[in-house]
Amino acid sequence: GGDLLDAELSPAGKALTAFQCIHYALTRPGVASVMVG
């Protein structure tokens, strides 16, 4: 929901980039497409 891209909101404690989030999803087994909001 955008939280991972914001250091203050990210539950990971640190901001990630959109590219990193997309790449993470696409490297999970079975994943074909990421529906971006």
Full PDB file with SEQRES, HELIX, SHEET, SSBOND, CRYST1, ORIGX, SCALE, CONECT and MASTER records, all heavy atoms in Angstrom:
SEQRES   1 A   37  GLY GLY ASP LEU LEU ASP ALA GLU LEU SER PRO ALA GLY          
SEQRES   2 A   37  LYS ALA LEU THR ALA PHE GLN CYS ILE HIS TYR ALA LEU          
SEQRES   3 A   37  THR ARG PRO GLY VAL ALA SER VAL MET VAL GLY                  
HELIX    1 AA1 ASP A    3  LEU A    5  5                                   3    
HELIX    2 AA2 ALA A   18  LEU A   26  1                                   9    
CRYST1    1.000    1.000    1.000  90.00  90.00  90.00 P 1           1          
ORIGX1      1.000000  0.000000  0.000000        0.00000                         
ORIGX2      0.000000  1.000000  0.000000        0.00000                         
ORIGX3      0.000000  0.000000  1.000000        0.00000                         
SCALE1      1.000000  0.000000  0.000000        0.00000                         
SCALE2      0.000000  1.000000  0.000000        0.00000                         
SCALE3      0.000000  0.000000  1.000000        0.00000                         
ATOM      1  N   GLY A   1       0.803  -1.213   0.000  1.00  0.00           N  
ATOM      2  CA  GLY A   1       0.000   0.000   0.000  1.00  0.00           C  
ATOM      3  C   GLY A   1       0.833   1.259   0.000  1.00  0.00           C  
ATOM      4  O   GLY A   1       0.351   2.338   0.351  1.00  0.00           O  
ATOM      5  N   GLY A   2       2.089   1.138  -0.386  1.00  0.00           N  
ATOM      6  CA  GLY A   2       3.004   2.282  -0.415  1.00  0.00           C  
ATOM      7  C   GLY A   2       3.853   2.411   0.829  1.00  0.00           C  
ATOM      8  O   GLY A   2       4.858   3.132   0.840  1.00  0.00           O  
ATOM      9  N   ASP A   3       3.488   1.686   1.888  1.00  0.00           N  
ATOM     10  CA  ASP A   3       4.213   1.817   3.161  1.00  0.00           C  
ATOM     11  C   ASP A   3       5.670   1.387   3.040  1.00  0.00           C  
ATOM     12  O   ASP A   3       6.557   1.968   3.679  1.00  0.00           O  
ATOM     13  CB  ASP A   3       3.534   0.982   4.252  1.00  0.00           C  
ATOM     14  CG  ASP A   3       2.246   1.621   4.756  1.00  0.00           C  
ATOM     15  OD1 ASP A   3       1.890   2.711   4.239  1.00  0.00           O  
ATOM     16  OD2 ASP A   3       1.597   1.047   5.642  1.00  0.00           O  
ATOM     17  N   LEU A   4       5.942   0.351   2.235  1.00  0.00           N  
ATOM     18  CA  LEU A   4       7.311  -0.151   2.135  1.00  0.00           C  
ATOM     19  C   LEU A   4       8.257   0.856   1.484  1.00  0.00           C  
ATOM     20  O   LEU A   4       9.476   0.756   1.637  1.00  0.00           O  
ATOM     21  CB  LEU A   4       7.343  -1.460   1.340  1.00  0.00           C  
ATOM     22  CG  LEU A   4       6.720  -2.678   2.010  1.00  0.00           C  
ATOM     23  CD1 LEU A   4       6.755  -3.871   1.080  1.00  0.00           C  
ATOM     24  CD2 LEU A   4       7.406  -3.007   3.312  1.00  0.00           C  
ATOM     25  N   LEU A   5       7.684   1.820   0.787  1.00  0.00           N  
ATOM     26  CA  LEU A   5       8.504   2.817   0.087  1.00  0.00           C  
ATOM     27  C   LEU A   5       8.795   4.038   0.954  1.00  0.00           C  
ATOM     28  O   LEU A   5       9.516   4.940   0.523  1.00  0.00           O  
ATOM     29  CB  LEU A   5       7.794   3.257  -1.203  1.00  0.00           C  
ATOM     30  CG  LEU A   5       7.290   2.140  -2.123  1.00  0.00           C  
ATOM     31  CD1 LEU A   5       6.630   2.739  -3.353  1.00  0.00           C  
ATOM     32  CD2 LEU A   5       8.420   1.198  -2.512  1.00  0.00           C  
ATOM     33  N   ASP A   6       8.269   4.057   2.174  1.00  0.00           N  
ATOM     34  CA  ASP A   6       8.401   5.198   3.083  1.00  0.00           C  
ATOM     35  C   ASP A   6       9.110   4.744   4.355  1.00  0.00           C  
ATOM     36  O   ASP A   6       8.615   3.862   5.061  1.00  0.00           O  
ATOM     37  CB  ASP A   6       7.009   5.746   3.409  1.00  0.00           C  
ATOM     38  CG  ASP A   6       7.032   7.031   4.207  1.00  0.00           C  
ATOM     39  OD1 ASP A   6       7.816   7.115   5.169  1.00  0.00           O  
ATOM     40  OD2 ASP A   6       6.247   7.949   3.889  1.00  0.00           O  
ATOM     41  N   ALA A   7      10.251   5.331   4.656  1.00  0.00           N  
ATOM     42  CA  ALA A   7      11.049   4.910   5.818  1.00  0.00           C  
ATOM     43  C   ALA A   7      10.261   5.013   7.118  1.00  0.00           C  
ATOM     44  O   ALA A   7      10.430   4.193   8.028  1.00  0.00           O  
ATOM     45  CB  ALA A   7      12.325   5.742   5.909  1.00  0.00           C  
ATOM     46  N   GLU A   8       9.395   6.005   7.227  1.00  0.00           N  
ATOM     47  CA  GLU A   8       8.640   6.193   8.474  1.00  0.00           C  
ATOM     48  C   GLU A   8       7.490   5.202   8.604  1.00  0.00           C  
ATOM     49  O   GLU A   8       7.100   4.846   9.714  1.00  0.00           O  
ATOM     50  CB  GLU A   8       8.101   7.627   8.541  1.00  0.00           C  
ATOM     51  CG  GLU A   8       9.199   8.681   8.704  1.00  0.00           C  
ATOM     52  CD  GLU A   8       8.616  10.068   8.912  1.00  0.00           C  
ATOM     53  OE1 GLU A   8       7.372  10.184   9.037  1.00  0.00           O  
ATOM     54  OE2 GLU A   8       9.394  11.032   8.936  1.00  0.00           O  
ATOM     55  N   LEU A   9       6.951   4.753   7.491  1.00  0.00           N  
ATOM     56  CA  LEU A   9       5.800   3.851   7.522  1.00  0.00           C  
ATOM     57  C   LEU A   9       6.174   2.383   7.352  1.00  0.00           C  
ATOM     58  O   LEU A   9       5.407   1.503   7.729  1.00  0.00           O  
ATOM     59  CB  LEU A   9       4.807   4.239   6.415  1.00  0.00           C  
ATOM     60  CG  LEU A   9       4.193   5.641   6.499  1.00  0.00           C  
ATOM     61  CD1 LEU A   9       3.319   5.895   5.275  1.00  0.00           C  
ATOM     62  CD2 LEU A   9       3.385   5.806   7.775  1.00  0.00           C  
ATOM     63  N   SER A  10       7.347   2.118   6.797  1.00  0.00           N  
ATOM     64  CA  SER A  10       7.711   0.743   6.464  1.00  0.00           C  
ATOM     65  C   SER A  10       7.829  -0.137   7.702  1.00  0.00           C  
ATOM     66  O   SER A  10       8.588   0.170   8.623  1.00  0.00           O  
ATOM     67  CB  SER A  10       9.050   0.716   5.718  1.00  0.00           C  
ATOM     68  OG  SER A  10       9.463  -0.623   5.511  1.00  0.00           O  
ATOM     69  N   PRO A  11       7.094  -1.254   7.745  1.00  0.00           N  
ATOM     70  CA  PRO A  11       7.226  -2.183   8.866  1.00  0.00           C  
ATOM     71  C   PRO A  11       8.589  -2.865   8.904  1.00  0.00           C  
ATOM     72  O   PRO A  11       8.939  -3.496   9.903  1.00  0.00           O  
ATOM     73  CB  PRO A  11       6.103  -3.195   8.635  1.00  0.00           C  
ATOM     74  CG  PRO A  11       5.776  -3.094   7.195  1.00  0.00           C  
ATOM     75  CD  PRO A  11       6.056  -1.677   6.794  1.00  0.00           C  
ATOM     76  N   ALA A  12       9.365  -2.723   7.823  1.00  0.00           N  
ATOM     77  CA  ALA A  12      10.713  -3.293   7.800  1.00  0.00           C  
ATOM     78  C   ALA A  12      11.706  -2.409   8.559  1.00  0.00           C  
ATOM     79  O   ALA A  12      12.835  -2.814   8.809  1.00  0.00           O  
ATOM     80  CB  ALA A  12      11.185  -3.481   6.367  1.00  0.00           C  
ATOM     81  N   GLY A  13      11.272  -1.190   8.887  1.00  0.00           N  
ATOM     82  CA  GLY A  13      12.159  -0.277   9.603  1.00  0.00           C  
ATOM     83  C   GLY A  13      13.046   0.536   8.687  1.00  0.00           C  
ATOM     84  O   GLY A  13      13.898   1.297   9.147  1.00  0.00           O  
ATOM     85  N   LYS A  14      12.856   0.372   7.384  1.00  0.00           N  
ATOM     86  CA  LYS A  14      13.697   1.054   6.410  1.00  0.00           C  
ATOM     87  C   LYS A  14      12.959   1.065   5.081  1.00  0.00           C  
ATOM     88  O   LYS A  14      12.246   0.121   4.754  1.00  0.00           O  
ATOM     89  CB  LYS A  14      15.025   0.303   6.270  1.00  0.00           C  
ATOM     90  CG  LYS A  14      16.047   0.929   5.338  1.00  0.00           C  
ATOM     91  CD  LYS A  14      17.324   0.080   5.356  1.00  0.00           C  
ATOM     92  CE  LYS A  14      18.373   0.630   4.400  1.00  0.00           C  
ATOM     93  NZ  LYS A  14      19.613  -0.205   4.423  1.00  0.00           N  
ATOM     94  N   ALA A  15      13.111   2.137   4.320  1.00  0.00           N  
ATOM     95  CA  ALA A  15      12.435   2.215   3.027  1.00  0.00           C  
ATOM     96  C   ALA A  15      13.087   1.290   2.012  1.00  0.00           C  
ATOM     97  O   ALA A  15      14.306   1.138   1.979  1.00  0.00           O  
ATOM     98  CB  ALA A  15      12.454   3.649   2.512  1.00  0.00           C  
ATOM     99  N   LEU A  16      12.258   0.675   1.189  1.00  0.00           N  
ATOM    100  CA  LEU A  16      12.721  -0.094   0.042  1.00  0.00           C  
ATOM    101  C   LEU A  16      12.340   0.672  -1.211  1.00  0.00           C  
ATOM    102  O   LEU A  16      11.528   1.600  -1.163  1.00  0.00           O  
ATOM    103  CB  LEU A  16      12.074  -1.478   0.028  1.00  0.00           C  
ATOM    104  CG  LEU A  16      12.374  -2.369   1.232  1.00  0.00           C  
ATOM    105  CD1 LEU A  16      11.510  -3.620   1.188  1.00  0.00           C  
ATOM    106  CD2 LEU A  16      13.846  -2.733   1.277  1.00  0.00           C  
ATOM    107  N   THR A  17      12.919   0.317  -2.331  1.00  0.00           N  
ATOM    108  CA  THR A  17      12.562   0.962  -3.586  1.00  0.00           C  
ATOM    109  C   THR A  17      11.482   0.149  -4.294  1.00  0.00           C  
ATOM    110  O   THR A  17      11.311  -1.050  -4.033  1.00  0.00           O  
ATOM    111  CB  THR A  17      13.775   1.098  -4.518  1.00  0.00           C  
ATOM    112  OG1 THR A  17      14.154  -0.215  -4.980  1.00  0.00           O  
ATOM    113  CG2 THR A  17      14.948   1.756  -3.801  1.00  0.00           C  
ATOM    114  N   ALA A  18      10.773   0.804  -5.205  1.00  0.00           N  
ATOM    115  CA  ALA A  18       9.757   0.094  -5.988  1.00  0.00           C  
ATOM    116  C   ALA A  18      10.386  -1.043  -6.785  1.00  0.00           C  
ATOM    117  O   ALA A  18       9.817  -2.136  -6.883  1.00  0.00           O  
ATOM    118  CB  ALA A  18       9.047   1.077  -6.926  1.00  0.00           C  
ATOM    119  N   PHE A  19      11.578  -0.803  -7.343  1.00  0.00           N  
ATOM    120  CA  PHE A  19      12.246  -1.857  -8.112  1.00  0.00           C  
ATOM    121  C   PHE A  19      12.542  -3.072  -7.240  1.00  0.00           C  
ATOM    122  O   PHE A  19      12.395  -4.216  -7.669  1.00  0.00           O  
ATOM    123  CB  PHE A  19      13.544  -1.333  -8.717  1.00  0.00           C  
ATOM    124  CG  PHE A  19      13.377  -0.294  -9.789  1.00  0.00           C  
ATOM    125  CD1 PHE A  19      14.480   0.403 -10.263  1.00  0.00           C  
ATOM    126  CD2 PHE A  19      12.131  -0.014 -10.334  1.00  0.00           C  
ATOM    127  CE1 PHE A  19      14.353   1.361 -11.254  1.00  0.00           C  
ATOM    128  CE2 PHE A  19      11.978   0.944 -11.329  1.00  0.00           C  
ATOM    129  CZ  PHE A  19      13.093   1.637 -11.786  1.00  0.00           C  
ATOM    130  N   GLN A  20      13.007  -2.844  -6.001  1.00  0.00           N  
ATOM    131  CA  GLN A  20      13.316  -3.956  -5.107  1.00  0.00           C  
ATOM    132  C   GLN A  20      12.055  -4.750  -4.762  1.00  0.00           C  
ATOM    133  O   GLN A  20      12.081  -5.986  -4.736  1.00  0.00           O  
ATOM    134  CB  GLN A  20      13.970  -3.429  -3.827  1.00  0.00           C  
ATOM    135  CG  GLN A  20      15.388  -2.927  -4.037  1.00  0.00           C  
ATOM    136  CD  GLN A  20      15.930  -2.157  -2.847  1.00  0.00           C  
ATOM    137  OE1 GLN A  20      15.168  -1.651  -2.010  1.00  0.00           O  
ATOM    138  NE2 GLN A  20      17.247  -2.044  -2.763  1.00  0.00           N  
ATOM    139  N   CYS A  21      10.950  -4.057  -4.519  1.00  0.00           N  
ATOM    140  CA  CYS A  21       9.697  -4.744  -4.189  1.00  0.00           C  
ATOM    141  C   CYS A  21       9.187  -5.561  -5.376  1.00  0.00           C  
ATOM    142  O   CYS A  21       8.737  -6.705  -5.208  1.00  0.00           O  
ATOM    143  CB  CYS A  21       8.640  -3.732  -3.759  1.00  0.00           C  
ATOM    144  SG  CYS A  21       8.991  -2.901  -2.191  1.00  0.00           S  
ATOM    145  N   ILE A  22       9.239  -4.978  -6.563  1.00  0.00           N  
ATOM    146  CA  ILE A  22       8.791  -5.698  -7.761  1.00  0.00           C  
ATOM    147  C   ILE A  22       9.673  -6.919  -8.003  1.00  0.00           C  
ATOM    148  O   ILE A  22       9.178  -8.019  -8.289  1.00  0.00           O  
ATOM    149  CB  ILE A  22       8.808  -4.766  -8.989  1.00  0.00           C  
ATOM    150  CG1 ILE A  22       7.740  -3.678  -8.857  1.00  0.00           C  
ATOM    151  CG2 ILE A  22       8.586  -5.564 -10.283  1.00  0.00           C  
ATOM    152  CD1 ILE A  22       7.842  -2.577  -9.910  1.00  0.00           C  
ATOM    153  N   HIS A  23      10.985  -6.740  -7.867  1.00  0.00           N  
ATOM    154  CA  HIS A  23      11.905  -7.845  -8.135  1.00  0.00           C  
ATOM    155  C   HIS A  23      11.729  -8.963  -7.112  1.00  0.00           C  
ATOM    156  O   HIS A  23      11.775 -10.152  -7.468  1.00  0.00           O  
ATOM    157  CB  HIS A  23      13.344  -7.331  -8.108  1.00  0.00           C  
ATOM    158  CG  HIS A  23      14.327  -8.246  -8.776  1.00  0.00           C  
ATOM    159  ND1 HIS A  23      14.143  -8.742 -10.049  1.00  0.00           N  
ATOM    160  CD2 HIS A  23      15.511  -8.771  -8.339  1.00  0.00           C  
ATOM    161  CE1 HIS A  23      15.152  -9.530 -10.367  1.00  0.00           C  
ATOM    162  NE2 HIS A  23      15.992  -9.569  -9.348  1.00  0.00           N  
ATOM    163  N   TYR A  24      11.498  -8.588  -5.865  1.00  0.00           N  
ATOM    164  CA  TYR A  24      11.234  -9.605  -4.836  1.00  0.00           C  
ATOM    165  C   TYR A  24      10.017 -10.445  -5.242  1.00  0.00           C  
ATOM    166  O   TYR A  24      10.061 -11.684  -5.213  1.00  0.00           O  
ATOM    167  CB  TYR A  24      10.982  -8.954  -3.481  1.00  0.00           C  
ATOM    168  CG  TYR A  24      10.542  -9.952  -2.432  1.00  0.00           C  
ATOM    169  CD1 TYR A  24      11.470 -10.767  -1.782  1.00  0.00           C  
ATOM    170  CD2 TYR A  24       9.197 -10.116  -2.123  1.00  0.00           C  
ATOM    171  CE1 TYR A  24      11.063 -11.713  -0.846  1.00  0.00           C  
ATOM    172  CE2 TYR A  24       8.778 -11.048  -1.195  1.00  0.00           C  
ATOM    173  CZ  TYR A  24       9.716 -11.851  -0.552  1.00  0.00           C  
ATOM    174  OH  TYR A  24       9.305 -12.789   0.366  1.00  0.00           O  
ATOM    175  N   ALA A  25       8.926  -9.783  -5.617  1.00  0.00           N  
ATOM    176  CA  ALA A  25       7.718 -10.514  -5.985  1.00  0.00           C  
ATOM    177  C   ALA A  25       7.966 -11.418  -7.188  1.00  0.00           C  
ATOM    178  O   ALA A  25       7.545 -12.582  -7.207  1.00  0.00           O  
ATOM    179  CB  ALA A  25       6.585  -9.529  -6.285  1.00  0.00           C  
ATOM    180  N   LEU A  26       8.681 -10.905  -8.187  1.00  0.00           N  
ATOM    181  CA  LEU A  26       8.891 -11.674  -9.410  1.00  0.00           C  
ATOM    182  C   LEU A  26       9.874 -12.829  -9.231  1.00  0.00           C  
ATOM    183  O   LEU A  26       9.954 -13.704 -10.106  1.00  0.00           O  
ATOM    184  CB  LEU A  26       9.379 -10.748 -10.530  1.00  0.00           C  
ATOM    185  CG  LEU A  26       8.313  -9.807 -11.119  1.00  0.00           C  
ATOM    186  CD1 LEU A  26       8.951  -8.794 -12.062  1.00  0.00           C  
ATOM    187  CD2 LEU A  26       7.219 -10.586 -11.845  1.00  0.00           C  
ATOM    188  N   THR A  27      10.607 -12.860  -8.130  1.00  0.00           N  
ATOM    189  CA  THR A  27      11.507 -13.994  -7.874  1.00  0.00           C  
ATOM    190  C   THR A  27      10.870 -15.047  -6.971  1.00  0.00           C  
ATOM    191  O   THR A  27      11.509 -16.042  -6.636  1.00  0.00           O  
ATOM    192  CB  THR A  27      12.843 -13.528  -7.264  1.00  0.00           C  
ATOM    193  OG1 THR A  27      12.605 -12.668  -6.146  1.00  0.00           O  
ATOM    194  CG2 THR A  27      13.695 -12.798  -8.287  1.00  0.00           C  
ATOM    195  N   ARG A  28       9.609 -14.855  -6.577  1.00  0.00           N  
ATOM    196  CA  ARG A  28       8.908 -15.915  -5.843  1.00  0.00           C  
ATOM    197  C   ARG A  28       8.422 -16.966  -6.843  1.00  0.00           C  
ATOM    198  O   ARG A  28       7.958 -16.635  -7.944  1.00  0.00           O  
ATOM    199  CB  ARG A  28       7.699 -15.372  -5.087  1.00  0.00           C  
ATOM    200  CG  ARG A  28       7.950 -14.325  -3.994  1.00  0.00           C  
ATOM    201  CD  ARG A  28       9.045 -14.687  -3.038  1.00  0.00           C  
ATOM    202  NE  ARG A  28      10.310 -14.124  -3.498  1.00  0.00           N  
ATOM    203  CZ  ARG A  28      11.497 -14.518  -3.073  1.00  0.00           C  
ATOM    204  NH1 ARG A  28      11.611 -15.514  -2.221  1.00  0.00           N  
ATOM    205  NH2 ARG A  28      12.599 -13.936  -3.519  1.00  0.00           N  
ATOM    206  N   PRO A  29       8.506 -18.248  -6.483  1.00  0.00           N  
ATOM    207  CA  PRO A  29       8.019 -19.295  -7.388  1.00  0.00           C  
ATOM    208  C   PRO A  29       6.556 -19.073  -7.765  1.00  0.00           C  
ATOM    209  O   PRO A  29       5.728 -18.745  -6.919  1.00  0.00           O  
ATOM    210  CB  PRO A  29       8.187 -20.573  -6.547  1.00  0.00           C  
ATOM    211  CG  PRO A  29       9.259 -20.246  -5.553  1.00  0.00           C  
ATOM    212  CD  PRO A  29       9.073 -18.791  -5.232  1.00  0.00           C  
ATOM    213  N   GLY A  30       6.262 -19.243  -9.039  1.00  0.00           N  
ATOM    214  CA  GLY A  30       4.880 -19.166  -9.500  1.00  0.00           C  
ATOM    215  C   GLY A  30       4.417 -17.797  -9.937  1.00  0.00           C  
ATOM    216  O   GLY A  30       3.388 -17.673 -10.605  1.00  0.00           O  
ATOM    217  N   VAL A  31       5.150 -16.745  -9.574  1.00  0.00           N  
ATOM    218  CA  VAL A  31       4.684 -15.386  -9.875  1.00  0.00           C  
ATOM    219  C   VAL A  31       4.902 -15.054 -11.352  1.00  0.00           C  
ATOM    220  O   VAL A  31       5.975 -15.291 -11.901  1.00  0.00           O  
ATOM    221  CB  VAL A  31       5.392 -14.346  -8.983  1.00  0.00           C  
ATOM    222  CG1 VAL A  31       5.133 -12.927  -9.488  1.00  0.00           C  
ATOM    223  CG2 VAL A  31       4.920 -14.482  -7.537  1.00  0.00           C  
ATOM    224  N   ALA A  32       3.861 -14.482 -11.971  1.00  0.00           N  
ATOM    225  CA  ALA A  32       3.936 -14.110 -13.383  1.00  0.00           C  
ATOM    226  C   ALA A  32       3.878 -12.602 -13.586  1.00  0.00           C  
ATOM    227  O   ALA A  32       4.557 -12.075 -14.467  1.00  0.00           O  
ATOM    228  CB  ALA A  32       2.801 -14.779 -14.161  1.00  0.00           C  
ATOM    229  N   SER A  33       3.048 -11.894 -12.819  1.00  0.00           N  
ATOM    230  CA  SER A  33       2.844 -10.469 -13.065  1.00  0.00           C  
ATOM    231  C   SER A  33       2.563  -9.738 -11.763  1.00  0.00           C  
ATOM    232  O   SER A  33       1.917 -10.288 -10.861  1.00  0.00           O  
ATOM    233  CB  SER A  33       1.667 -10.267 -14.035  1.00  0.00           C  
ATOM    234  OG  SER A  33       1.503  -8.907 -14.370  1.00  0.00           O  
ATOM    235  N   VAL A  34       3.061  -8.507 -11.667  1.00  0.00           N  
ATOM    236  CA  VAL A  34       2.814  -7.654 -10.505  1.00  0.00           C  
ATOM    237  C   VAL A  34       1.833  -6.562 -10.913  1.00  0.00           C  
ATOM    238  O   VAL A  34       2.123  -5.751 -11.795  1.00  0.00           O  
ATOM    239  CB  VAL A  34       4.124  -7.021  -9.982  1.00  0.00           C  
ATOM    240  CG1 VAL A  34       3.831  -6.073  -8.826  1.00  0.00           C  
ATOM    241  CG2 VAL A  34       5.102  -8.108  -9.548  1.00  0.00           C  
ATOM    242  N   MET A  35       0.655  -6.560 -10.282  1.00  0.00           N  
ATOM    243  CA  MET A  35      -0.367  -5.551 -10.576  1.00  0.00           C  
ATOM    244  C   MET A  35      -0.044  -4.289  -9.783  1.00  0.00           C  
ATOM    245  O   MET A  35      -0.298  -4.227  -8.571  1.00  0.00           O  
ATOM    246  CB  MET A  35      -1.750  -6.054 -10.162  1.00  0.00           C  
ATOM    247  CG  MET A  35      -2.156  -7.390 -10.741  1.00  0.00           C  
ATOM    248  SD  MET A  35      -2.579  -7.304 -12.485  1.00  0.00           S  
ATOM    249  CE  MET A  35      -1.148  -8.114 -13.165  1.00  0.00           C  
ATOM    250  N   VAL A  36       0.520  -3.312 -10.422  1.00  0.00           N  
ATOM    251  CA  VAL A  36       0.931  -2.106  -9.706  1.00  0.00           C  
ATOM    252  C   VAL A  36      -0.249  -1.152  -9.567  1.00  0.00           C  
ATOM    253  O   VAL A  36      -1.032  -0.974 -10.498  1.00  0.00           O  
ATOM    254  CB  VAL A  36       2.119  -1.402 -10.404  1.00  0.00           C  
ATOM    255  CG1 VAL A  36       3.340  -2.307 -10.397  1.00  0.00           C  
ATOM    256  CG2 VAL A  36       1.781  -0.988 -11.830  1.00  0.00           C  
ATOM    257  N   GLY A  37      -0.377  -0.567  -8.407  1.00  0.00           N  
ATOM    258  CA  GLY A  37      -1.480   0.354  -8.139  1.00  0.00           C  
ATOM    259  C   GLY A  37      -1.146   1.750  -8.602  1.00  0.00           C  
ATOM    260  O   GLY A  37      -1.030   2.666  -7.783  1.00  0.00           O  
TER     261      GLY A  37                                                      
MASTER        0    0    0    2    0    0    0    6  260    1    0    3          
END                                                                             
